[in-house]
Amino acid sequence: MNNPYFLSNKLARLPLWEKLKNQRRLLSVEIELTARCNNRCRHCYVNLPARDDAAMKKELSPEELQPIVAEAVDRGALWCLLTGGEPLIRKDFSEIYLI
């Protein structure tokens, strides 16, 4: 490889990158809302059934998640990935999404 793509194609000079280049900032956060899933994908490590009571008891409530999200925002997070299992399996997903 004489001219690797990542060396020959620089990122655009966006104002955000210039603002953050000399700072250590949290840019994104990932929150695993559940370990349950209603699918059975062969490639996936999540294998707890959708109605697993023990798994549901371990999940954080919207009230417990709110200070975590607030701290991430305070630290500069621009992006939040809600993941799981299958996060849409939670009955309170819309409430969590609006935090």
N, C-alpha and C. Protein backbone atom coordinates (compact mmCIF):
# COMPACT_ATOMS: atom_id res chain seq x y z
N MET A 1 0.83 -1.18 0.00
CA MET A 1 0.00 0.00 0.00
C MET A 1 0.88 1.24 0.00
N ASN A 2 1.01 1.87 -1.12
CA ASN A 2 1.84 3.06 -1.21
C ASN A 2 1.14 4.31 -0.68
N ASN A 3 -0.17 4.37 -0.84
CA ASN A 3 -0.90 5.58 -0.47
C ASN A 3 -2.19 5.19 0.25
N PRO A 4 -2.11 4.79 1.52
CA PRO A 4 -3.31 4.37 2.24
C PRO A 4 -4.36 5.48 2.27
N TYR A 5 -5.60 5.08 2.16
CA TYR A 5 -6.72 6.03 2.13
C TYR A 5 -6.72 6.97 3.32
N PHE A 6 -6.51 6.43 4.51
CA PHE A 6 -6.61 7.26 5.71
C PHE A 6 -5.47 8.28 5.82
N LEU A 7 -4.38 8.07 5.12
CA LEU A 7 -3.30 9.05 5.13
C LEU A 7 -3.47 10.09 4.02
N SER A 8 -4.06 9.69 2.92
CA SER A 8 -4.17 10.60 1.78
C SER A 8 -5.45 11.42 1.81
N ASN A 9 -6.43 11.05 2.60
CA ASN A 9 -7.69 11.78 2.67
C ASN A 9 -7.90 12.31 4.07
N LYS A 10 -7.60 13.56 4.25
CA LYS A 10 -7.71 14.19 5.56
C LYS A 10 -9.17 14.55 5.84
N LEU A 11 -9.51 14.62 7.14
CA LEU A 11 -10.83 15.08 7.53
C LEU A 11 -10.98 16.56 7.18
N ALA A 12 -12.18 16.93 6.82
CA ALA A 12 -12.44 18.33 6.54
C ALA A 12 -12.20 19.16 7.79
N ARG A 13 -11.75 20.38 7.62
CA ARG A 13 -11.51 21.27 8.76
C ARG A 13 -12.83 21.90 9.18
N LEU A 14 -13.55 21.20 10.00
CA LEU A 14 -14.83 21.69 10.48
C LEU A 14 -14.61 22.51 11.75
N PRO A 15 -15.42 23.54 11.99
CA PRO A 15 -15.27 24.36 13.19
C PRO A 15 -15.29 23.54 14.49
N LEU A 16 -16.11 22.50 14.52
CA LEU A 16 -16.17 21.67 15.73
C LEU A 16 -14.83 21.00 16.01
N TRP A 17 -14.17 20.45 14.97
CA TRP A 17 -12.88 19.78 15.18
C TRP A 17 -11.84 20.79 15.66
N GLU A 18 -11.86 21.99 15.10
CA GLU A 18 -10.90 23.03 15.52
C GLU A 18 -11.13 23.40 16.99
N LYS A 19 -12.38 23.49 17.38
CA LYS A 19 -12.72 23.85 18.75
C LYS A 19 -12.25 22.78 19.74
N LEU A 20 -12.32 21.51 19.35
CA LEU A 20 -12.03 20.40 20.26
C LEU A 20 -10.62 19.83 20.13
N LYS A 21 -9.82 20.28 19.17
CA LYS A 21 -8.57 19.59 18.86
C LYS A 21 -7.57 19.53 20.02
N ASN A 22 -7.57 20.49 20.91
CA ASN A 22 -6.62 20.48 22.02
C ASN A 22 -7.28 20.15 23.35
N GLN A 23 -8.45 19.54 23.29
CA GLN A 23 -9.18 19.20 24.50
C GLN A 23 -9.47 17.70 24.54
N ARG A 24 -9.55 17.19 25.73
CA ARG A 24 -10.03 15.81 25.90
C ARG A 24 -11.48 15.92 26.29
N ARG A 25 -12.37 15.55 25.39
CA ARG A 25 -13.80 15.70 25.60
C ARG A 25 -14.51 14.39 25.31
N LEU A 26 -15.58 14.19 26.04
CA LEU A 26 -16.47 13.08 25.76
C LEU A 26 -17.32 13.49 24.55
N LEU A 27 -17.25 12.72 23.48
CA LEU A 27 -18.01 13.07 22.29
C LEU A 27 -19.27 12.21 22.14
N SER A 28 -19.21 10.99 22.64
CA SER A 28 -20.37 10.11 22.50
C SER A 28 -20.50 9.20 23.72
N VAL A 29 -21.69 8.66 23.87
CA VAL A 29 -21.96 7.73 24.97
C VAL A 29 -22.86 6.63 24.43
N GLU A 30 -22.62 5.41 24.89
CA GLU A 30 -23.46 4.27 24.53
C GLU A 30 -24.12 3.74 25.79
N ILE A 31 -25.43 3.56 25.73
CA ILE A 31 -26.16 3.05 26.88
C ILE A 31 -26.89 1.78 26.46
N GLU A 32 -26.53 0.67 27.11
CA GLU A 32 -27.21 -0.60 26.84
C GLU A 32 -28.44 -0.65 27.74
N LEU A 33 -29.60 -0.48 27.14
CA LEU A 33 -30.85 -0.39 27.90
C LEU A 33 -31.35 -1.73 28.40
N THR A 34 -31.00 -2.80 27.72
CA THR A 34 -31.48 -4.12 28.10
C THR A 34 -30.56 -5.20 27.54
N ALA A 35 -30.60 -6.35 28.16
CA ALA A 35 -29.88 -7.52 27.65
C ALA A 35 -30.87 -8.50 27.05
N ARG A 36 -32.14 -8.09 26.97
CA ARG A 36 -33.18 -8.96 26.42
C ARG A 36 -33.38 -8.70 24.93
N CYS A 37 -33.90 -9.69 24.24
CA CYS A 37 -34.14 -9.52 22.81
C CYS A 37 -35.25 -10.48 22.36
N ASN A 38 -36.04 -10.01 21.41
CA ASN A 38 -37.11 -10.84 20.87
C ASN A 38 -36.71 -11.52 19.57
N ASN A 39 -35.47 -11.36 19.17
CA ASN A 39 -34.94 -12.02 17.96
C ASN A 39 -33.98 -13.13 18.38
N ARG A 40 -33.61 -13.93 17.45
CA ARG A 40 -32.63 -14.99 17.72
C ARG A 40 -31.57 -14.98 16.62
N CYS A 41 -30.88 -13.88 16.51
CA CYS A 41 -29.86 -13.74 15.46
C CYS A 41 -28.68 -14.65 15.77
N ARG A 42 -28.21 -15.36 14.79
CA ARG A 42 -27.11 -16.32 14.98
C ARG A 42 -25.81 -15.64 15.39
N HIS A 43 -25.60 -14.42 14.92
CA HIS A 43 -24.34 -13.73 15.15
C HIS A 43 -24.29 -13.00 16.48
N CYS A 44 -25.40 -12.93 17.20
CA CYS A 44 -25.50 -12.08 18.37
C CYS A 44 -25.23 -12.84 19.67
N TYR A 45 -24.60 -12.15 20.62
CA TYR A 45 -24.31 -12.75 21.93
C TYR A 45 -25.44 -12.55 22.92
N VAL A 46 -26.42 -11.71 22.59
CA VAL A 46 -27.55 -11.44 23.49
C VAL A 46 -28.55 -12.58 23.31
N ASN A 47 -28.78 -13.30 24.37
CA ASN A 47 -29.68 -14.45 24.23
C ASN A 47 -30.70 -14.55 25.36
N LEU A 48 -30.96 -13.45 26.05
CA LEU A 48 -31.97 -13.48 27.10
C LEU A 48 -33.34 -13.28 26.48
N PRO A 49 -34.32 -14.08 26.88
CA PRO A 49 -35.65 -13.94 26.29
C PRO A 49 -36.29 -12.59 26.61
N ALA A 50 -37.23 -12.19 25.77
CA ALA A 50 -37.88 -10.88 25.91
C ALA A 50 -38.58 -10.72 27.25
N ARG A 51 -39.06 -11.79 27.84
CA ARG A 51 -39.80 -11.69 29.09
C ARG A 51 -39.01 -12.21 30.30
N ASP A 52 -37.71 -12.11 30.23
CA ASP A 52 -36.85 -12.57 31.31
C ASP A 52 -36.98 -11.62 32.51
N ASP A 53 -37.66 -12.08 33.56
CA ASP A 53 -37.93 -11.23 34.73
C ASP A 53 -36.65 -10.79 35.44
N ALA A 54 -35.70 -11.69 35.57
CA ALA A 54 -34.44 -11.35 36.25
C ALA A 54 -33.71 -10.25 35.49
N ALA A 55 -33.69 -10.33 34.17
CA ALA A 55 -33.03 -9.31 33.36
C ALA A 55 -33.76 -7.98 33.47
N MET A 56 -35.08 -8.01 33.48
CA MET A 56 -35.86 -6.77 33.59
C MET A 56 -35.60 -6.06 34.92
N LYS A 57 -35.42 -6.83 35.98
CA LYS A 57 -35.17 -6.23 37.30
C LYS A 57 -33.82 -5.52 37.35
N LYS A 58 -32.86 -5.95 36.51
CA LYS A 58 -31.53 -5.34 36.49
C LYS A 58 -31.47 -4.07 35.64
N GLU A 59 -32.48 -3.82 34.82
CA GLU A 59 -32.47 -2.67 33.92
C GLU A 59 -32.69 -1.37 34.70
N LEU A 60 -31.99 -0.34 34.31
CA LEU A 60 -32.16 0.96 34.95
C LEU A 60 -33.46 1.61 34.48
N SER A 61 -34.13 2.25 35.40
CA SER A 61 -35.37 2.96 35.09
C SER A 61 -35.02 4.29 34.42
N PRO A 62 -36.02 4.93 33.79
CA PRO A 62 -35.76 6.27 33.23
C PRO A 62 -35.24 7.24 34.29
N GLU A 63 -35.75 7.14 35.50
CA GLU A 63 -35.30 8.02 36.58
C GLU A 63 -33.83 7.77 36.93
N GLU A 64 -33.39 6.52 36.84
CA GLU A 64 -31.98 6.19 37.11
C GLU A 64 -31.08 6.59 35.94
N LEU A 65 -31.62 6.53 34.73
CA LEU A 65 -30.84 6.87 33.55
C LEU A 65 -30.65 8.38 33.39
N GLN A 66 -31.61 9.17 33.86
CA GLN A 66 -31.59 10.61 33.64
C GLN A 66 -30.30 11.27 34.13
N PRO A 67 -29.81 11.01 35.36
CA PRO A 67 -28.56 11.66 35.78
C PRO A 67 -27.34 11.18 34.98
N ILE A 68 -27.37 9.98 34.50
CA ILE A 68 -26.26 9.47 33.67
C ILE A 68 -26.21 10.24 32.36
N VAL A 69 -27.37 10.39 31.74
CA VAL A 69 -27.45 11.14 30.48
C VAL A 69 -27.07 12.61 30.72
N ALA A 70 -27.56 13.19 31.80
CA ALA A 70 -27.25 14.59 32.11
C ALA A 70 -25.74 14.79 32.29
N GLU A 71 -25.08 13.85 32.96
CA GLU A 71 -23.63 13.97 33.15
C GLU A 71 -22.90 13.86 31.81
N ALA A 72 -23.35 12.95 30.95
CA ALA A 72 -22.73 12.82 29.63
C ALA A 72 -22.86 14.12 28.85
N VAL A 73 -24.02 14.74 28.90
CA VAL A 73 -24.23 16.02 28.22
C VAL A 73 -23.34 17.10 28.83
N ASP A 74 -23.27 17.14 30.15
CA ASP A 74 -22.42 18.12 30.83
C ASP A 74 -20.96 17.97 30.44
N ARG A 75 -20.56 16.75 30.14
CA ARG A 75 -19.16 16.49 29.76
C ARG A 75 -18.92 16.68 28.27
N GLY A 76 -19.98 17.06 27.54
CA GLY A 76 -19.80 17.41 26.13
C GLY A 76 -20.29 16.40 25.12
N ALA A 77 -20.94 15.34 25.55
CA ALA A 77 -21.39 14.32 24.60
C ALA A 77 -22.32 14.93 23.55
N LEU A 78 -22.03 14.63 22.30
CA LEU A 78 -22.84 15.11 21.19
C LEU A 78 -23.71 14.01 20.60
N TRP A 79 -23.41 12.76 20.96
CA TRP A 79 -24.07 11.61 20.35
C TRP A 79 -24.36 10.59 21.44
N CYS A 80 -25.56 10.02 21.38
CA CYS A 80 -25.93 8.96 22.33
C CYS A 80 -26.51 7.79 21.56
N LEU A 81 -25.94 6.62 21.75
CA LEU A 81 -26.43 5.40 21.13
C LEU A 81 -27.16 4.58 22.18
N LEU A 82 -28.44 4.34 21.94
CA LEU A 82 -29.24 3.48 22.83
C LEU A 82 -29.24 2.10 22.21
N THR A 83 -28.69 1.14 22.95
CA THR A 83 -28.48 -0.19 22.40
C THR A 83 -28.97 -1.24 23.37
N GLY A 84 -28.73 -2.49 23.07
CA GLY A 84 -29.14 -3.58 23.93
C GLY A 84 -28.46 -4.84 23.46
N GLY A 85 -29.15 -5.79 23.73
CA GLY A 85 -30.33 -6.45 23.33
C GLY A 85 -31.09 -5.62 22.30
N GLU A 86 -32.37 -5.66 22.45
CA GLU A 86 -33.27 -4.89 21.59
C GLU A 86 -33.90 -3.80 22.43
N PRO A 87 -33.40 -2.55 22.33
CA PRO A 87 -33.90 -1.49 23.20
C PRO A 87 -35.39 -1.19 23.00
N LEU A 88 -35.91 -1.43 21.81
CA LEU A 88 -37.32 -1.15 21.56
C LEU A 88 -38.26 -2.13 22.26
N ILE A 89 -37.70 -3.16 22.87
CA ILE A 89 -38.52 -4.13 23.60
C ILE A 89 -39.00 -3.55 24.93
N ARG A 90 -38.34 -2.51 25.39
CA ARG A 90 -38.73 -1.89 26.66
C ARG A 90 -40.01 -1.09 26.49
N LYS A 91 -40.95 -1.29 27.39
CA LYS A 91 -42.22 -0.56 27.33
C LYS A 91 -42.03 0.93 27.58
N ASP A 92 -40.97 1.30 28.27
CA ASP A 92 -40.70 2.70 28.58
C ASP A 92 -39.68 3.33 27.64
N PHE A 93 -39.46 2.72 26.46
CA PHE A 93 -38.45 3.22 25.55
C PHE A 93 -38.72 4.67 25.14
N SER A 94 -39.95 5.01 24.83
CA SER A 94 -40.24 6.38 24.39
C SER A 94 -39.93 7.39 25.49
N GLU A 95 -40.16 7.03 26.73
CA GLU A 95 -39.83 7.91 27.86
C GLU A 95 -38.31 8.08 27.97
N ILE A 96 -37.58 6.99 27.81
CA ILE A 96 -36.11 7.03 27.87
C ILE A 96 -35.58 7.87 26.71
N TYR A 97 -36.15 7.67 25.53
CA TYR A 97 -35.69 8.38 24.34
C TYR A 97 -35.81 9.89 24.50
N LEU A 98 -36.78 10.35 25.25
CA LEU A 98 -37.01 11.78 25.42
C LEU A 98 -36.23 12.41 26.57
N ILE A 99 -35.42 11.64 27.26
CA ILE A 99 -34.63 12.20 28.39
C ILE A 99 -33.70 13.27 27.85
